[in-house]
């Protein structure tokens, strides 16, 4: 069975990578390609934009039209566009994979509402390695406990628009939840001035931006006399696209529900319809 895929943001850095992988992926077919209105890519062959031979799929700006006959959409666009795309996919009954970051509470609620009608995989990071790191951080926090201070540092390229990264936030949430803390109260995103001693319940999340760094995340567990560091470094965007493809294939036949990469990778039992 062939899974027919629509790629949004098809002319972007992630979009072209996904188009390449869909084109070469077994059991996958590039069904549609969409980019923003006014994009210079409109009207061009999506495969050619991805440095491949022509595939006969022209980039358009009408997602509703592209969804006709599609099985799944892979969306790496922006926080506001992804929420709109989720609503449209729900209306048309097409499954959705969202890899966009920076979604606010209202936009996440719109995605969750769409997931009541269609299966949605929504993850702050599609990398298989990063999702294994989430589980490692969970286990480390449980074992090390309250005797270790938790700090998170992330670095990305200078063009990244949101800060901190969705991955860094999720790492903080995972650590906080494992320690029995409320992430809304425990996570600290900025420090400046004379603040006094570091509160023991606090989890610091610090952001670095520069150059062409694809993505780096380190979680520090700092104890008395020792420090444990869990680090993930991305050296290309291929692993994000590879994870998104894996998620799209996994969605086939799944019931409506909001899933993440832990579900895709079998790191937890079942999903959350």
C-alpha atoms as a PDB file:
ATOM      1  CA  UNK A   1       0.000   0.000   0.000  1.00  0.00           C
ATOM      2  CA  UNK A   2       1.313   3.415  -0.990  1.00  0.00           C
ATOM      3  CA  UNK A   3       0.936   6.354   1.401  1.00  0.00           C
ATOM      4  CA  UNK A   4       0.163   9.555  -0.487  1.00  0.00           C
ATOM      5  CA  UNK A   5       1.932  12.485   1.184  1.00  0.00           C
ATOM      6  CA  UNK A   6       1.383  16.244   0.976  1.00  0.00           C
ATOM      7  CA  UNK A   7       4.314  18.406   2.073  1.00  0.00           C
ATOM      8  CA  UNK A   8       3.643  21.936   3.342  1.00  0.00           C
ATOM      9  CA  UNK A   9       6.415  24.513   3.362  1.00  0.00           C
ATOM     10  CA  UNK A  10       7.672  22.520   0.398  1.00  0.00           C
ATOM     11  CA  UNK A  11      10.211  25.131  -0.722  1.00  0.00           C
ATOM     12  CA  UNK A  12      11.808  25.576   2.711  1.00  0.00           C
ATOM     13  CA  UNK A  13      14.902  23.885   4.113  1.00  0.00           C
ATOM     14  CA  UNK A  14      12.913  21.166   5.852  1.00  0.00           C
ATOM     15  CA  UNK A  15      10.312  20.959   3.107  1.00  0.00           C
ATOM     16  CA  UNK A  16      12.806  20.173   0.353  1.00  0.00           C
ATOM     17  CA  UNK A  17      14.487  17.576   2.575  1.00  0.00           C
ATOM     18  CA  UNK A  18      11.140  15.878   3.197  1.00  0.00           C
ATOM     19  CA  UNK A  19      10.278  15.968  -0.511  1.00  0.00           C
ATOM     20  CA  UNK A  20      13.559  14.165  -1.251  1.00  0.00           C
ATOM     21  CA  UNK A  21      12.854  11.477   1.337  1.00  0.00           C
ATOM     22  CA  UNK A  22       9.228  10.993   0.308  1.00  0.00           C
ATOM     23  CA  UNK A  23      10.296  10.660  -3.332  1.00  0.00           C
ATOM     24  CA  UNK A  24      12.821   7.944  -2.491  1.00  0.00           C
ATOM     25  CA  UNK A  25      10.960   6.342   0.420  1.00  0.00           C
ATOM     26  CA  UNK A  26       9.481   2.857  -0.044  1.00  0.00           C
ATOM     27  CA  UNK A  27       5.715   2.816   0.104  1.00  0.00           C
ATOM     28  CA  UNK A  28       5.478   6.603  -0.210  1.00  0.00           C
ATOM     29  CA  UNK A  29       4.320   8.878  -3.007  1.00  0.00           C
ATOM     30  CA  UNK A  30       4.530  12.664  -3.246  1.00  0.00           C
ATOM     31  CA  UNK A  31       0.887  13.618  -3.751  1.00  0.00           C
ATOM     32  CA  UNK A  32       1.030  17.379  -3.229  1.00  0.00           C
ATOM     33  CA  UNK A  33       3.303  20.283  -2.319  1.00  0.00           C
ATOM     34  CA  UNK A  34       2.221  23.573  -0.802  1.00  0.00           C
ATOM     35  CA  UNK A  35       4.025  26.794   0.067  1.00  0.00           C
ATOM     36  CA  UNK A  36       2.980  30.214   1.311  1.00  0.00           C
ATOM     37  CA  UNK A  37       1.028  32.607  -0.942  1.00  0.00           C
ATOM     38  CA  UNK A  38       3.422  34.763  -2.946  1.00  0.00           C
ATOM     39  CA  UNK A  39       6.294  32.283  -2.660  1.00  0.00           C
ATOM     40  CA  UNK A  40       8.627  32.344  -5.685  1.00  0.00           C
ATOM     41  CA  UNK A  41       8.379  28.536  -5.664  1.00  0.00           C
ATOM     42  CA  UNK A  42       4.730  28.550  -6.724  1.00  0.00           C
ATOM     43  CA  UNK A  43       4.226  26.821 -10.050  1.00  0.00           C
ATOM     44  CA  UNK A  44       7.563  25.007  -9.914  1.00  0.00           C
ATOM     45  CA  UNK A  45       8.049  21.249  -9.714  1.00  0.00           C
ATOM     46  CA  UNK A  46       8.564  20.322  -6.056  1.00  0.00           C
ATOM     47  CA  UNK A  47      11.099  17.625  -6.886  1.00  0.00           C
ATOM     48  CA  UNK A  48      13.191  20.024  -8.962  1.00  0.00           C
ATOM     49  CA  UNK A  49      13.291  22.431  -6.003  1.00  0.00           C
ATOM     50  CA  UNK A  50      14.631  19.506  -3.982  1.00  0.00           C
ATOM     51  CA  UNK A  51      17.404  18.906  -6.549  1.00  0.00           C
ATOM     52  CA  UNK A  52      15.677  15.834  -8.024  1.00  0.00           C
ATOM     53  CA  UNK A  53      14.355  14.999 -11.497  1.00  0.00           C
ATOM     54  CA  UNK A  54      10.857  16.367 -12.174  1.00  0.00           C
ATOM     55  CA  UNK A  55       8.064  14.441 -10.448  1.00  0.00           C
ATOM     56  CA  UNK A  56       5.068  16.218 -11.906  1.00  0.00           C
ATOM     57  CA  UNK A  57       3.966  17.676  -8.547  1.00  0.00           C
ATOM     58  CA  UNK A  58       3.712  21.448  -8.813  1.00  0.00           C
ATOM     59  CA  UNK A  59       3.982  23.666  -5.738  1.00  0.00           C
ATOM     60  CA  UNK A  60       0.713  25.462  -5.026  1.00  0.00           C
ATOM     61  CA  UNK A  61      -0.697  27.648  -2.251  1.00  0.00           C
ATOM     62  CA  UNK A  62      -4.065  25.925  -1.775  1.00  0.00           C
ATOM     63  CA  UNK A  63      -3.790  23.181   0.845  1.00  0.00           C
ATOM     64  CA  UNK A  64      -7.479  22.268   0.560  1.00  0.00           C
ATOM     65  CA  UNK A  65      -6.971  21.429  -3.100  1.00  0.00           C
ATOM     66  CA  UNK A  66      -3.816  19.409  -2.377  1.00  0.00           C
ATOM     67  CA  UNK A  67      -5.616  17.339   0.283  1.00  0.00           C
ATOM     68  CA  UNK A  68      -7.992  15.726  -2.219  1.00  0.00           C
ATOM     69  CA  UNK A  69      -7.035  12.047  -2.301  1.00  0.00           C
ATOM     70  CA  UNK A  70      -4.142  12.452   0.170  1.00  0.00           C
ATOM     71  CA  UNK A  71      -3.409  10.171   3.130  1.00  0.00           C
ATOM     72  CA  UNK A  72      -1.177  12.361   5.295  1.00  0.00           C
ATOM     73  CA  UNK A  73       0.306  15.839   5.491  1.00  0.00           C
ATOM     74  CA  UNK A  74       3.808  16.514   6.803  1.00  0.00           C
ATOM     75  CA  UNK A  75       3.921  20.081   8.111  1.00  0.00           C
ATOM     76  CA  UNK A  76       7.073  22.021   8.987  1.00  0.00           C
ATOM     77  CA  UNK A  77       5.855  25.600   8.588  1.00  0.00           C
ATOM     78  CA  UNK A  78       5.137  28.003  11.444  1.00  0.00           C
ATOM     79  CA  UNK A  79       3.137  27.993  14.668  1.00  0.00           C
ATOM     80  CA  UNK A  80       0.157  29.839  13.244  1.00  0.00           C
ATOM     81  CA  UNK A  81       0.162  28.067   9.874  1.00  0.00           C
ATOM     82  CA  UNK A  82       0.349  24.632  11.511  1.00  0.00           C
ATOM     83  CA  UNK A  83      -2.736  25.349  13.614  1.00  0.00           C
ATOM     84  CA  UNK A  84      -4.675  26.398  10.493  1.00  0.00           C
ATOM     85  CA  UNK A  85      -3.442  23.342   8.615  1.00  0.00           C
ATOM     86  CA  UNK A  86      -4.576  21.072  11.455  1.00  0.00           C
ATOM     87  CA  UNK A  87      -8.092  22.476  11.250  1.00  0.00           C
ATOM     88  CA  UNK A  88      -8.199  22.025   7.484  1.00  0.00           C
ATOM     89  CA  UNK A  89      -6.868  18.459   7.694  1.00  0.00           C
ATOM     90  CA  UNK A  90      -9.541  17.657  10.294  1.00  0.00           C
ATOM     91  CA  UNK A  91     -12.210  19.054   7.988  1.00  0.00           C
ATOM     92  CA  UNK A  92     -10.960  16.929   5.077  1.00  0.00           C
ATOM     93  CA  UNK A  93     -10.185  13.789   7.118  1.00  0.00           C
ATOM     94  CA  UNK A  94      -6.458  13.661   6.341  1.00  0.00           C
ATOM     95  CA  UNK A  95      -3.873  12.562   8.927  1.00  0.00           C
ATOM     96  CA  UNK A  96      -1.208  15.064   9.958  1.00  0.00           C
ATOM     97  CA  UNK A  97       2.395  15.157  11.166  1.00  0.00           C
ATOM     98  CA  UNK A  98       3.450  18.497  12.718  1.00  0.00           C
ATOM     99  CA  UNK A  99       7.115  19.298  13.255  1.00  0.00           C
ATOM    100  CA  UNK A 100       6.713  23.066  13.680  1.00  0.00           C
ATOM    101  CA  UNK A 101       7.814  24.679  16.943  1.00  0.00           C
ATOM    102  CA  UNK A 102       6.766  27.769  18.849  1.00  0.00           C
ATOM    103  CA  UNK A 103       3.050  26.939  19.114  1.00  0.00           C
ATOM    104  CA  UNK A 104       1.344  28.810  21.927  1.00  0.00           C
ATOM    105  CA  UNK A 105      -1.345  27.454  24.234  1.00  0.00           C
ATOM    106  CA  UNK A 106      -4.192  28.572  21.957  1.00  0.00           C
ATOM    107  CA  UNK A 107      -2.579  27.026  18.876  1.00  0.00           C
ATOM    108  CA  UNK A 108      -1.876  23.761  20.719  1.00  0.00           C
ATOM    109  CA  UNK A 109      -5.533  23.687  21.747  1.00  0.00           C
ATOM    110  CA  UNK A 110      -6.568  24.008  18.098  1.00  0.00           C
ATOM    111  CA  UNK A 111      -4.285  21.109  17.159  1.00  0.00           C
ATOM    112  CA  UNK A 112      -5.734  19.023  20.015  1.00  0.00           C
ATOM    113  CA  UNK A 113      -9.255  19.813  18.805  1.00  0.00           C
ATOM    114  CA  UNK A 114      -8.332  18.667  15.294  1.00  0.00           C
ATOM    115  CA  UNK A 115      -6.926  15.443  16.771  1.00  0.00           C
ATOM    116  CA  UNK A 116     -10.407  14.525  17.967  1.00  0.00           C
ATOM    117  CA  UNK A 117     -11.278  13.964  14.305  1.00  0.00           C
ATOM    118  CA  UNK A 118      -8.011  12.739  12.753  1.00  0.00           C
ATOM    119  CA  UNK A 119      -4.759  11.116  13.924  1.00  0.00           C
ATOM    120  CA  UNK A 120      -2.074  13.754  14.550  1.00  0.00           C
ATOM    121  CA  UNK A 121       1.577  13.258  15.459  1.00  0.00           C
ATOM    122  CA  UNK A 122       2.787  16.483  17.075  1.00  0.00           C
ATOM    123  CA  UNK A 123       6.292  16.617  18.502  1.00  0.00           C
ATOM    124  CA  UNK A 124       8.688  19.471  19.330  1.00  0.00           C
ATOM    125  CA  UNK A 125      11.450  17.406  17.738  1.00  0.00           C
ATOM    126  CA  UNK A 126      11.065  14.613  15.192  1.00  0.00           C
ATOM    127  CA  UNK A 127      14.581  13.265  15.687  1.00  0.00           C
ATOM    128  CA  UNK A 128      14.649   9.652  16.851  1.00  0.00           C
ATOM    129  CA  UNK A 129      17.771  10.408  18.902  1.00  0.00           C
ATOM    130  CA  UNK A 130      16.201  13.368  20.689  1.00  0.00           C
ATOM    131  CA  UNK A 131      13.163  11.323  21.631  1.00  0.00           C
ATOM    132  CA  UNK A 132      15.422   8.690  23.135  1.00  0.00           C
ATOM    133  CA  UNK A 133      17.080  11.537  25.072  1.00  0.00           C
ATOM    134  CA  UNK A 134      13.673  12.539  26.454  1.00  0.00           C
ATOM    135  CA  UNK A 135      13.393   9.063  27.951  1.00  0.00           C
ATOM    136  CA  UNK A 136      16.968   9.116  29.267  1.00  0.00           C
ATOM    137  CA  UNK A 137      16.317  12.453  30.980  1.00  0.00           C
ATOM    138  CA  UNK A 138      13.139  11.071  32.523  1.00  0.00           C
ATOM    139  CA  UNK A 139      14.982   8.085  33.940  1.00  0.00           C
ATOM    140  CA  UNK A 140      17.957  10.152  35.140  1.00  0.00           C
ATOM    141  CA  UNK A 141      15.715  12.639  36.935  1.00  0.00           C
ATOM    142  CA  UNK A 142      13.855   9.854  38.725  1.00  0.00           C
ATOM    143  CA  UNK A 143      17.050   8.118  39.835  1.00  0.00           C
ATOM    144  CA  UNK A 144      19.115  11.197  40.752  1.00  0.00           C
ATOM    145  CA  UNK A 145      16.203  12.927  42.439  1.00  0.00           C
ATOM    146  CA  UNK A 146      16.235  16.075  44.511  1.00  0.00           C
ATOM    147  CA  UNK A 147      19.972  15.997  45.264  1.00  0.00           C
ATOM    148  CA  UNK A 148      20.849  17.152  41.730  1.00  0.00           C
ATOM    149  CA  UNK A 149      20.184  20.572  40.196  1.00  0.00           C
ATOM    150  CA  UNK A 150      18.829  20.454  36.644  1.00  0.00           C
ATOM    151  CA  UNK A 151      19.916  22.965  34.002  1.00  0.00           C
ATOM    152  CA  UNK A 152      19.314  22.925  30.230  1.00  0.00           C
ATOM    153  CA  UNK A 153      21.298  24.729  27.523  1.00  0.00           C
ATOM    154  CA  UNK A 154      20.285  24.770  23.859  1.00  0.00           C
ATOM    155  CA  UNK A 155      21.952  26.291  20.798  1.00  0.00           C
ATOM    156  CA  UNK A 156      20.623  26.807  17.283  1.00  0.00           C
ATOM    157  CA  UNK A 157      21.443  28.762  14.143  1.00  0.00           C
ATOM    158  CA  UNK A 158      20.998  32.512  14.109  1.00  0.00           C
ATOM    159  CA  UNK A 159      17.909  32.384  11.890  1.00  0.00           C
ATOM    160  CA  UNK A 160      15.757  30.396  14.319  1.00  0.00           C
ATOM    161  CA  UNK A 161      12.829  32.591  15.306  1.00  0.00           C
ATOM    162  CA  UNK A 162      11.547  31.053  18.536  1.00  0.00           C
ATOM    163  CA  UNK A 163      13.417  30.785  21.823  1.00  0.00           C
ATOM    164  CA  UNK A 164      13.899  28.642  23.714  1.00  0.00           C
ATOM    165  CA  UNK A 165      13.521  25.727  21.336  1.00  0.00           C
ATOM    166  CA  UNK A 166      10.486  23.513  21.702  1.00  0.00           C
ATOM    167  CA  UNK A 167      12.868  20.656  22.418  1.00  0.00           C
ATOM    168  CA  UNK A 168      14.495  22.507  25.314  1.00  0.00           C
ATOM    169  CA  UNK A 169      11.095  23.300  26.792  1.00  0.00           C
ATOM    170  CA  UNK A 170      10.051  19.670  26.482  1.00  0.00           C
ATOM    171  CA  UNK A 171      13.276  18.497  28.115  1.00  0.00           C
ATOM    172  CA  UNK A 172      12.498  20.792  31.039  1.00  0.00           C
ATOM    173  CA  UNK A 173       8.936  19.530  31.237  1.00  0.00           C
ATOM    174  CA  UNK A 174      10.116  15.908  31.197  1.00  0.00           C
ATOM    175  CA  UNK A 175      12.585  16.542  34.032  1.00  0.00           C
ATOM    176  CA  UNK A 176      10.035  18.505  36.063  1.00  0.00           C
ATOM    177  CA  UNK A 177       7.338  15.866  35.677  1.00  0.00           C
ATOM    178  CA  UNK A 178       9.754  13.083  36.655  1.00  0.00           C
ATOM    179  CA  UNK A 179      10.637  15.060  39.793  1.00  0.00           C
ATOM    180  CA  UNK A 180       6.996  15.738  40.650  1.00  0.00           C
ATOM    181  CA  UNK A 181       7.198  19.459  39.929  1.00  0.00           C
ATOM    182  CA  UNK A 182       4.843  21.727  38.008  1.00  0.00           C
ATOM    183  CA  UNK A 183       6.726  22.795  34.844  1.00  0.00           C
ATOM    184  CA  UNK A 184       4.902  26.136  34.805  1.00  0.00           C
ATOM    185  CA  UNK A 185       6.484  26.974  38.153  1.00  0.00           C
ATOM    186  CA  UNK A 186       9.799  25.139  37.899  1.00  0.00           C
ATOM    187  CA  UNK A 187      11.124  26.253  34.512  1.00  0.00           C
ATOM    188  CA  UNK A 188      13.191  29.459  34.556  1.00  0.00           C
ATOM    189  CA  UNK A 189      13.994  30.995  31.158  1.00  0.00           C
ATOM    190  CA  UNK A 190      16.016  34.029  32.206  1.00  0.00           C
ATOM    191  CA  UNK A 191      18.392  35.090  34.965  1.00  0.00           C
ATOM    192  CA  UNK A 192      19.780  38.561  35.472  1.00  0.00           C
ATOM    193  CA  UNK A 193      20.834  40.700  38.408  1.00  0.00           C
ATOM    194  CA  UNK A 194      21.313  39.831  42.064  1.00  0.00           C
ATOM    195  CA  UNK A 195      18.934  36.909  42.470  1.00  0.00           C
ATOM    196  CA  UNK A 196      20.310  35.199  45.541  1.00  0.00           C
ATOM    197  CA  UNK A 197      20.902  31.470  45.736  1.00  0.00           C
ATOM    198  CA  UNK A 198      19.459  29.203  43.088  1.00  0.00           C
ATOM    199  CA  UNK A 199      16.131  27.755  44.319  1.00  0.00           C
ATOM    200  CA  UNK A 200      16.487  23.968  44.564  1.00  0.00           C
ATOM    201  CA  UNK A 201      13.190  23.367  42.744  1.00  0.00           C
ATOM    202  CA  UNK A 202      14.152  25.504  39.738  1.00  0.00           C
ATOM    203  CA  UNK A 203      15.084  24.141  36.304  1.00  0.00           C
ATOM    204  CA  UNK A 204      17.010  26.660  34.204  1.00  0.00           C
ATOM    205  CA  UNK A 205      16.590  26.776  30.416  1.00  0.00           C
ATOM    206  CA  UNK A 206      19.163  28.889  28.585  1.00  0.00           C
ATOM    207  CA  UNK A 207      19.273  29.824  24.890  1.00  0.00           C
ATOM    208  CA  UNK A 208      22.243  30.380  22.564  1.00  0.00           C
ATOM    209  CA  UNK A 209      21.979  31.497  18.935  1.00  0.00           C
ATOM    210  CA  UNK A 210      24.670  31.759  16.274  1.00  0.00           C
ATOM    211  CA  UNK A 211      26.067  30.635  12.956  1.00  0.00           C
ATOM    212  CA  UNK A 212      24.581  27.609  11.250  1.00  0.00           C
ATOM    213  CA  UNK A 213      24.170  25.285  14.237  1.00  0.00           C
ATOM    214  CA  UNK A 214      21.435  22.787  13.356  1.00  0.00           C
ATOM    215  CA  UNK A 215      20.625  22.047  16.987  1.00  0.00           C
ATOM    216  CA  UNK A 216      22.334  21.157  20.262  1.00  0.00           C
ATOM    217  CA  UNK A 217      20.756  20.361  23.620  1.00  0.00           C
ATOM    218  CA  UNK A 218      22.433  19.452  26.905  1.00  0.00           C
ATOM    219  CA  UNK A 219      20.720  18.595  30.173  1.00  0.00           C
ATOM    220  CA  UNK A 220      22.964  18.980  33.224  1.00  0.00           C
ATOM    221  CA  UNK A 221      22.317  17.126  36.467  1.00  0.00           C
ATOM    222  CA  UNK A 222      24.647  18.874  38.909  1.00  0.00           C
ATOM    223  CA  UNK A 223      25.290  17.176  42.251  1.00  0.00           C
ATOM    224  CA  UNK A 224      27.871  17.521  44.999  1.00  0.00           C
ATOM    225  CA  UNK A 225      31.159  16.246  43.608  1.00  0.00           C
ATOM    226  CA  UNK A 226      29.857  15.076  40.233  1.00  0.00           C
ATOM    227  CA  UNK A 227      27.871  16.153  37.209  1.00  0.00           C
ATOM    228  CA  UNK A 228      25.902  14.093  34.710  1.00  0.00           C
ATOM    229  CA  UNK A 229      25.391  15.520  31.207  1.00  0.00           C
ATOM    230  CA  UNK A 230      23.031  14.193  28.551  1.00  0.00           C
ATOM    231  CA  UNK A 231      23.686  15.774  25.149  1.00  0.00           C
ATOM    232  CA  UNK A 232      22.218  15.529  21.682  1.00  0.00           C
ATOM    233  CA  UNK A 233      23.862  17.238  18.706  1.00  0.00           C
ATOM    234  CA  UNK A 234      22.212  17.414  15.305  1.00  0.00           C
ATOM    235  CA  UNK A 235      24.653  17.786  12.423  1.00  0.00           C
ATOM    236  CA  UNK A 236      22.077  17.892   9.619  1.00  0.00           C
ATOM    237  CA  UNK A 237      18.337  18.265   9.176  1.00  0.00           C
ATOM    238  CA  UNK A 238      18.030  14.803   7.700  1.00  0.00           C
ATOM    239  CA  UNK A 239      17.196  13.202  11.044  1.00  0.00           C
ATOM    240  CA  UNK A 240      14.198  15.522  11.532  1.00  0.00           C
ATOM    241  CA  UNK A 241      12.874  14.621   8.085  1.00  0.00           C
ATOM    242  CA  UNK A 242      13.613  10.932   8.664  1.00  0.00           C
ATOM    243  CA  UNK A 243      11.618  10.991  11.904  1.00  0.00           C
ATOM    244  CA  UNK A 244       8.728  12.790  10.218  1.00  0.00           C
ATOM    245  CA  UNK A 245       8.645  10.148   7.471  1.00  0.00           C
ATOM    246  CA  UNK A 246       8.622   7.427  10.109  1.00  0.00           C
ATOM    247  CA  UNK A 247       5.726   9.173  11.860  1.00  0.00           C
ATOM    248  CA  UNK A 248       3.766   9.495   8.606  1.00  0.00           C
ATOM    249  CA  UNK A 249       4.168   5.782   7.897  1.00  0.00           C
ATOM    250  CA  UNK A 250       3.201   4.888  11.477  1.00  0.00           C
ATOM    251  CA  UNK A 251      -0.028   6.906  11.265  1.00  0.00           C
ATOM    252  CA  UNK A 252      -1.533   4.590   8.649  1.00  0.00           C
ATOM    253  CA  UNK A 253      -4.693   3.072  10.079  1.00  0.00           C
ATOM    254  CA  UNK A 254      -4.406   4.801  13.460  1.00  0.00           C
ATOM    255  CA  UNK A 255      -7.580   6.124  15.119  1.00  0.00           C
ATOM    256  CA  UNK A 256      -8.092   9.822  15.728  1.00  0.00           C
ATOM    257  CA  UNK A 257      -5.931  11.063  18.565  1.00  0.00           C
ATOM    258  CA  UNK A 258      -3.004  13.257  19.536  1.00  0.00           C
ATOM    259  CA  UNK A 259       0.241  11.298  19.405  1.00  0.00           C
ATOM    260  CA  UNK A 260       3.920  12.158  19.668  1.00  0.00           C
ATOM    261  CA  UNK A 261       7.208  10.525  18.716  1.00  0.00           C
ATOM    262  CA  UNK A 262       7.242   8.474  21.909  1.00  0.00           C
ATOM    263  CA  UNK A 263       4.150   6.723  20.552  1.00  0.00           C
ATOM    264  CA  UNK A 264       5.743   6.314  17.125  1.00  0.00           C
ATOM    265  CA  UNK A 265       8.896   4.787  18.620  1.00  0.00           C
ATOM    266  CA  UNK A 266       7.062   2.579  21.098  1.00  0.00           C
ATOM    267  CA  UNK A 267       8.517   4.340  24.144  1.00  0.00           C
ATOM    268  CA  UNK A 268       5.128   4.256  25.834  1.00  0.00           C
ATOM    269  CA  UNK A 269       2.253   1.825  25.646  1.00  0.00           C
ATOM    270  CA  UNK A 270      -0.388   2.985  23.184  1.00  0.00           C
ATOM    271  CA  UNK A 271      -1.477   6.445  22.166  1.00  0.00           C
ATOM    272  CA  UNK A 272      -3.935   8.961  23.502  1.00  0.00           C
ATOM    273  CA  UNK A 273      -7.066   8.924  21.354  1.00  0.00           C
END
